[in-house]
């Protein structure tokens, strides 16, 4: 009778220990399963994102090589008229920047099949610096390759655009084209009177008497006005000199010619600002004697636009992630 009692007494603590340990074991197992599932989900998400990115890069690369256009010196050797477009605002950030236009002109001049280079212009103007660079390069390339350059104007060829055009051997316009505007401007606003009425005080601290010149919230002194006007006059004289050098004896100067006014194509021909009424096809056929037109203008193709948009999207996503690190998880 005592033996069963002895064997039963130690059984109770083992059963209690097992019962106490069992819930911890289940909890630990569930946590491991959950962590494993999360890890698998993260890995699967990474693979999906990586696969999508790989397909996108493949598509962009395929489009780049499939749709990339543009002429290189080895692409064209037959006789033709080379065309370089100068459209829109002339600035360092636009498609009509000096870097872009000069690169296109060099490709056109280097091609042995190009009988002449035509600048197809439709621009209201822009930076005198960018225009001056293009103007200088036209003269250099003409002397180097011994090829003529013609400017053909569509809607407008004003200010900095005309600065470029005068380097051409001849300028062709439409009767309704806008030509000229030989002048320089510097614009801005002044809010000093409004600030006084509102009781707003401008606290601008500078090291240098004229460091804050042309600040819109500070008055402009007579000395500063004279300085700015002198700078504009100097750039204006550079512009006038370029026009006189390019047009030579063809120019019929009037008191208002360099005043910043502009004229129609008909009037421009009469004043010697342009040579003849004609369009691109006429110039290629009758002047250059090479009717085939080859465009050397650099343009962003479909692939390049996709790359830029994709790059902008990626940049925005990275910036957002940096602002919110939790989104990286």
Protein backbone atom coordinates (compact mmCIF):
# COMPACT_ATOMS: atom_id res chain seq x y z
CA UNK A 1 0.00 0.00 0.00
CA UNK A 2 2.93 2.33 0.66
CA UNK A 3 4.59 1.79 -2.71
CA UNK A 4 1.72 3.23 -4.77
CA UNK A 5 1.66 6.23 -2.48
CA UNK A 6 5.41 6.82 -2.92
CA UNK A 7 5.17 6.58 -6.71
CA UNK A 8 2.19 8.94 -6.83
CA UNK A 9 3.76 11.70 -4.71
CA UNK A 10 6.56 12.71 -7.13
CA UNK A 11 4.13 12.56 -10.10
CA UNK A 12 2.22 15.62 -8.95
CA UNK A 13 5.13 18.14 -9.18
CA UNK A 14 6.16 16.84 -12.63
CA UNK A 15 2.65 17.33 -13.92
CA UNK A 16 2.48 20.83 -12.45
CA UNK A 17 5.87 21.79 -13.93
CA UNK A 18 4.86 20.50 -17.32
CA UNK A 19 1.57 22.41 -17.14
CA UNK A 20 3.39 25.58 -16.17
CA UNK A 21 5.94 25.28 -18.98
CA UNK A 22 3.47 24.39 -21.72
CA UNK A 23 2.03 27.89 -22.29
CA UNK A 24 5.52 29.44 -22.68
CA UNK A 25 6.42 26.83 -25.26
CA UNK A 26 3.34 27.60 -27.37
CA UNK A 27 3.97 31.33 -27.17
CA UNK A 28 7.58 30.93 -28.22
CA UNK A 29 6.59 28.73 -31.13
CA UNK A 30 3.93 31.18 -32.31
CA UNK A 31 6.41 34.06 -32.15
CA UNK A 32 8.92 32.10 -34.22
CA UNK A 33 6.28 31.28 -36.82
CA UNK A 34 5.14 34.91 -36.99
CA UNK A 35 8.70 36.22 -37.36
CA UNK A 36 9.40 33.67 -40.08
CA UNK A 37 6.25 34.73 -41.95
CA UNK A 38 7.22 38.40 -41.70
CA UNK A 39 10.71 37.63 -42.95
CA UNK A 40 9.28 35.74 -45.91
CA UNK A 41 6.91 38.61 -46.70
CA UNK A 42 9.76 41.13 -46.57
CA UNK A 43 11.94 38.97 -48.77
CA UNK A 44 9.10 38.44 -51.25
CA UNK A 45 8.41 42.19 -51.31
CA UNK A 46 12.09 42.91 -51.97
CA UNK A 47 12.12 40.40 -54.81
CA UNK A 48 8.98 41.93 -56.33
CA UNK A 49 10.39 45.45 -56.11
CA UNK A 50 13.73 44.31 -57.49
CA UNK A 51 12.03 42.50 -60.36
CA UNK A 52 9.92 45.55 -61.19
CA UNK A 53 12.98 47.78 -61.12
CA UNK A 54 14.88 45.35 -63.33
CA UNK A 55 12.03 45.29 -65.86
CA UNK A 56 11.82 49.07 -65.79
CA UNK A 57 15.55 49.43 -66.40
CA UNK A 58 15.34 46.87 -69.18
CA UNK A 59 12.45 48.77 -70.78
CA UNK A 60 14.27 52.10 -70.50
CA UNK A 61 17.44 50.61 -71.99
CA UNK A 62 15.52 48.96 -74.81
CA UNK A 63 13.66 52.19 -75.56
CA UNK A 64 16.91 54.16 -75.40
CA UNK A 65 18.56 52.06 -78.08
CA UNK A 66 15.41 51.52 -80.10
CA UNK A 67 14.14 55.09 -80.25
CA UNK A 68 17.34 57.08 -79.85
CA UNK A 69 17.67 59.46 -82.76
CA UNK A 70 20.11 62.08 -83.79
CA UNK A 71 22.72 62.19 -86.49
CA UNK A 72 26.38 61.51 -85.97
CA UNK A 73 29.08 62.42 -88.50
CA UNK A 74 29.26 58.81 -89.70
CA UNK A 75 25.50 58.51 -90.23
CA UNK A 76 25.22 60.91 -93.16
CA UNK A 77 27.70 61.35 -95.99
CA UNK A 78 25.44 62.16 -98.94
CA UNK A 79 24.96 65.83 -99.91
CA UNK A 80 22.35 67.55 -97.76
CA UNK A 81 21.43 70.73 -95.92
CA UNK A 82 22.17 70.54 -92.21
CA UNK A 83 19.56 72.10 -89.92
CA UNK A 84 20.03 73.24 -86.32
CA UNK A 85 16.98 74.61 -84.55
CA UNK A 86 17.16 77.48 -82.05
CA UNK A 87 13.72 77.73 -80.48
CA UNK A 88 12.37 79.24 -77.29
CA UNK A 89 14.24 81.21 -74.68
CA UNK A 90 18.02 81.28 -75.04
CA UNK A 91 19.44 80.44 -71.62
CA UNK A 92 21.86 78.05 -69.99
CA UNK A 93 18.96 75.90 -68.74
CA UNK A 94 16.96 75.66 -71.96
CA UNK A 95 17.23 73.54 -75.10
CA UNK A 96 18.56 76.67 -76.82
CA UNK A 97 21.58 76.88 -74.52
CA UNK A 98 25.03 77.55 -75.94
CA UNK A 99 26.22 74.05 -75.01
CA UNK A 100 23.36 72.36 -76.84
CA UNK A 101 23.38 74.57 -79.94
CA UNK A 102 27.17 74.57 -80.31
CA UNK A 103 27.34 70.78 -80.00
CA UNK A 104 24.69 70.41 -82.73
CA UNK A 105 26.49 72.89 -84.99
CA UNK A 106 29.80 71.07 -84.60
CA UNK A 107 28.19 67.78 -85.61
CA UNK A 108 26.66 69.47 -88.65
CA UNK A 109 29.91 71.10 -89.75
CA UNK A 110 31.92 67.91 -89.25
CA UNK A 111 29.69 65.88 -91.58
CA UNK A 112 31.28 65.86 -95.02
CA UNK A 113 27.87 65.60 -96.67
CA UNK A 114 26.61 68.86 -95.17
CA UNK A 115 26.81 71.49 -97.91
CA UNK A 116 25.72 74.29 -95.55
CA UNK A 117 24.34 74.78 -92.07
CA UNK A 118 20.95 76.44 -91.60
CA UNK A 119 19.99 77.88 -88.23
CA UNK A 120 16.20 77.62 -88.01
CA UNK A 121 15.33 80.33 -85.49
CA UNK A 122 12.12 80.99 -83.60
CA UNK A 123 13.04 82.76 -80.37
CA UNK A 124 12.16 85.98 -78.52
CA UNK A 125 15.71 86.22 -77.16
CA UNK A 126 17.34 85.58 -73.81
CA UNK A 127 20.84 85.64 -72.38
CA UNK A 128 23.39 87.84 -74.18
CA UNK A 129 26.15 85.62 -72.80
CA UNK A 130 24.70 82.45 -74.32
CA UNK A 131 24.03 84.27 -77.60
CA UNK A 132 27.56 85.67 -77.66
CA UNK A 133 29.07 82.21 -77.23
CA UNK A 134 27.02 80.86 -80.14
CA UNK A 135 27.85 83.92 -82.25
CA UNK A 136 31.59 83.44 -81.71
CA UNK A 137 31.39 79.72 -82.46
CA UNK A 138 29.60 80.31 -85.75
CA UNK A 139 32.49 82.45 -86.99
CA UNK A 140 35.03 79.91 -85.79
CA UNK A 141 33.31 76.95 -87.44
CA UNK A 142 32.77 78.81 -90.72
CA UNK A 143 36.47 79.61 -90.92
CA UNK A 144 37.50 76.10 -89.93
CA UNK A 145 35.24 74.10 -92.27
CA UNK A 146 34.75 76.64 -95.06
CA UNK A 147 30.99 76.10 -95.13
CA UNK A 148 28.31 78.78 -95.33
CA UNK A 149 25.78 79.39 -92.56
CA UNK A 150 22.28 80.70 -93.18
CA UNK A 151 19.67 81.85 -90.68
CA UNK A 152 16.02 81.14 -91.46
CA UNK A 153 13.51 82.93 -89.22
CA UNK A 154 10.07 81.57 -88.47
CA UNK A 155 7.86 83.64 -86.11
CA UNK A 156 10.48 85.71 -84.31
CA UNK A 157 14.17 86.44 -84.17
CA UNK A 158 14.52 89.14 -81.54
CA UNK A 159 17.14 90.38 -79.10
CA UNK A 160 19.61 87.55 -78.27
CA UNK A 161 18.23 85.44 -81.13
CA UNK A 162 19.12 88.20 -83.59
CA UNK A 163 22.53 88.44 -81.90
CA UNK A 164 23.04 84.86 -83.09
CA UNK A 165 21.52 85.36 -86.54
CA UNK A 166 23.86 88.22 -87.54
CA UNK A 167 26.79 85.77 -87.58
CA UNK A 168 25.17 83.94 -90.50
CA UNK A 169 26.13 84.72 -94.09
CA UNK A 170 22.52 85.52 -94.94
CA UNK A 171 19.28 85.93 -93.00
CA UNK A 172 15.98 84.77 -94.52
CA UNK A 173 12.65 85.79 -93.00
CA UNK A 174 8.92 85.54 -93.55
CA UNK A 175 7.12 88.77 -94.33
CA UNK A 176 5.33 88.56 -90.96
CA UNK A 177 8.34 87.52 -88.87
CA UNK A 178 9.34 89.73 -85.92
CA UNK A 179 12.98 90.79 -86.28
CA UNK A 180 15.33 93.05 -84.37
CA UNK A 181 14.94 94.39 -80.83
CA UNK A 182 18.60 95.37 -80.60
CA UNK A 183 18.66 96.39 -76.96
CA UNK A 184 19.39 95.22 -73.44
CA UNK A 185 17.18 95.29 -70.37
CA UNK A 186 17.38 94.60 -66.66
CA UNK A 187 14.01 94.40 -64.92
CA UNK A 188 12.78 94.11 -61.37
CA UNK A 189 10.41 95.57 -58.78
CA UNK A 190 10.69 98.04 -55.93
CA UNK A 191 8.56 97.79 -52.77
CA UNK A 192 10.02 100.56 -50.63
CA UNK A 193 6.94 102.81 -50.80
CA UNK A 194 4.59 99.95 -49.95
CA UNK A 195 6.79 98.90 -47.03
CA UNK A 196 6.68 102.42 -45.59
CA UNK A 197 2.89 102.43 -45.75
CA UNK A 198 2.72 99.05 -44.04
CA UNK A 199 5.27 100.06 -41.43
CA UNK A 200 7.70 97.31 -42.47
CA UNK A 201 11.39 97.93 -41.85
CA UNK A 202 13.99 96.38 -44.14
CA UNK A 203 16.99 95.09 -42.20
CA UNK A 204 19.64 94.35 -44.80
CA UNK A 205 23.22 94.18 -43.60
CA UNK A 206 26.04 94.10 -46.13
CA UNK A 207 29.81 94.33 -46.23
CA UNK A 208 30.39 96.65 -49.14
CA UNK A 209 28.60 99.88 -49.96
CA UNK A 210 26.87 98.52 -53.06
CA UNK A 211 26.47 94.85 -52.15
CA UNK A 212 22.71 95.30 -51.90
CA UNK A 213 22.36 97.09 -55.22
CA UNK A 214 19.00 96.50 -56.95
CA UNK A 215 17.56 94.85 -53.84
CA UNK A 216 13.78 95.23 -54.37
CA UNK A 217 13.20 96.17 -50.72
CA UNK A 218 15.83 98.92 -50.59
CA UNK A 219 15.92 102.30 -52.35
CA UNK A 220 18.28 102.69 -55.30
CA UNK A 221 20.69 105.62 -55.20
CA UNK A 222 21.55 107.77 -58.22
CA UNK A 223 25.08 106.37 -58.14
CA UNK A 224 23.76 102.79 -58.32
CA UNK A 225 21.43 103.70 -61.17
CA UNK A 226 24.33 105.19 -63.12
CA UNK A 227 26.44 102.09 -62.50
CA UNK A 228 23.69 99.71 -63.70
CA UNK A 229 22.97 101.90 -66.71
CA UNK A 230 26.66 101.96 -67.62
CA UNK A 231 26.75 98.17 -67.54
CA UNK A 232 23.66 97.93 -69.77
CA UNK A 233 25.13 100.46 -72.18
CA UNK A 234 28.35 98.45 -72.44
CA UNK A 235 26.45 95.23 -73.28
CA UNK A 236 24.31 97.20 -75.73
CA UNK A 237 27.42 98.41 -77.54
CA UNK A 238 28.66 94.82 -77.77
CA UNK A 239 25.35 93.87 -79.36
CA UNK A 240 25.50 96.81 -81.80
CA UNK A 241 29.06 95.91 -82.71
CA UNK A 242 28.02 92.33 -83.47
CA UNK A 243 25.18 93.55 -85.71
CA UNK A 244 27.41 95.94 -87.61
CA UNK A 245 30.12 93.31 -88.04
CA UNK A 246 27.66 90.70 -89.27
CA UNK A 247 25.52 92.83 -91.55
CA UNK A 248 28.21 95.20 -92.83
CA UNK A 249 27.26 97.50 -95.68
CA UNK A 250 23.87 95.82 -96.05
CA UNK A 251 22.71 97.63 -92.92
CA UNK A 252 20.76 100.86 -93.52
CA UNK A 253 21.10 102.44 -90.11
CA UNK A 254 18.42 104.74 -88.75
CA UNK A 255 18.27 106.59 -85.41
CA UNK A 256 15.85 103.97 -84.07
CA UNK A 257 17.55 100.86 -85.40
CA UNK A 258 19.38 100.12 -82.16
CA UNK A 259 16.71 101.52 -79.82
CA UNK A 260 15.17 98.15 -79.00
CA UNK A 261 12.37 98.40 -81.56
CA UNK A 262 11.49 95.43 -83.74
CA UNK A 263 10.15 95.13 -87.28
CA UNK A 264 8.26 92.80 -89.56
CA UNK A 265 10.16 90.63 -92.00
CA UNK A 266 9.33 92.99 -94.86
CA UNK A 267 10.64 95.98 -92.93
CA UNK A 268 13.73 94.05 -91.80
CA UNK A 269 14.68 93.36 -95.42
CA UNK A 270 14.26 97.03 -96.31
CA UNK A 271 16.46 98.07 -93.36
CA UNK A 272 19.14 95.52 -94.17
CA UNK A 273 18.51 93.58 -90.96
CA UNK A 274 17.61 90.61 -93.17
CA UNK A 275 18.39 89.65 -96.76
CA UNK A 276 15.38 88.02 -98.35
CA UNK A 277 11.91 86.61 -97.85
CA UNK A 278 12.20 82.82 -97.94
CA UNK A 279 11.53 79.67 -95.94
CA UNK A 280 13.68 76.65 -95.08
CA UNK A 281 12.72 74.56 -98.11
CA UNK A 282 13.50 77.42 -100.49
CA UNK A 283 16.92 77.99 -98.92
CA UNK A 284 17.81 74.30 -99.13
CA UNK A 285 16.60 73.96 -102.71
CA UNK A 286 17.62 77.28 -104.28
CA UNK A 287 20.47 78.61 -102.15
CA UNK A 288 22.30 75.57 -100.79
CA UNK A 289 21.36 73.41 -103.80
CA UNK A 290 20.91 70.41 -101.52
CA UNK A 291 17.20 69.81 -101.10
CA UNK A 292 17.48 67.01 -98.55
CA UNK A 293 17.24 68.29 -94.99
CA UNK A 294 19.01 66.57 -92.11
CA UNK A 295 18.18 67.78 -88.60
CA UNK A 296 21.14 67.88 -86.20
CA UNK A 297 19.21 69.48 -83.35
CA UNK A 298 19.58 67.72 -80.03
CA UNK A 299 16.21 66.76 -78.56
CA UNK A 300 15.28 64.56 -75.67
CA UNK A 301 13.81 61.40 -77.16
CA UNK A 302 11.22 59.15 -75.50
CA UNK A 303 13.88 57.19 -73.63
CA UNK A 304 15.61 60.31 -72.34
CA UNK A 305 12.30 61.76 -71.16
CA UNK A 306 11.51 58.49 -69.40
CA UNK A 307 14.92 58.50 -67.75
CA UNK A 308 14.47 62.08 -66.55
CA UNK A 309 11.00 61.38 -65.20
CA UNK A 310 12.16 58.17 -63.57
CA UNK A 311 15.15 59.97 -62.09
CA UNK A 312 12.93 62.74 -60.75
CA UNK A 313 10.55 60.19 -59.23
CA UNK A 314 13.42 58.29 -57.64
CA UNK A 315 14.88 61.52 -56.29
CA UNK A 316 11.55 62.47 -54.76
CA UNK A 317 11.15 59.01 -53.25
CA UNK A 318 14.64 59.14 -51.73
CA UNK A 319 14.02 62.61 -50.32
CA UNK A 320 10.74 61.42 -48.81
CA UNK A 321 12.46 58.39 -47.31
CA UNK A 322 15.15 60.55 -45.78
CA UNK A 323 12.53 62.79 -44.23
CA UNK A 324 10.63 59.76 -42.95
CA UNK A 325 13.05 56.91 -42.11
CA UNK A 326 10.18 54.69 -40.99
CA UNK A 327 9.12 54.28 -44.61
CA UNK A 328 12.31 52.30 -45.26
CA UNK A 329 11.11 49.45 -43.08
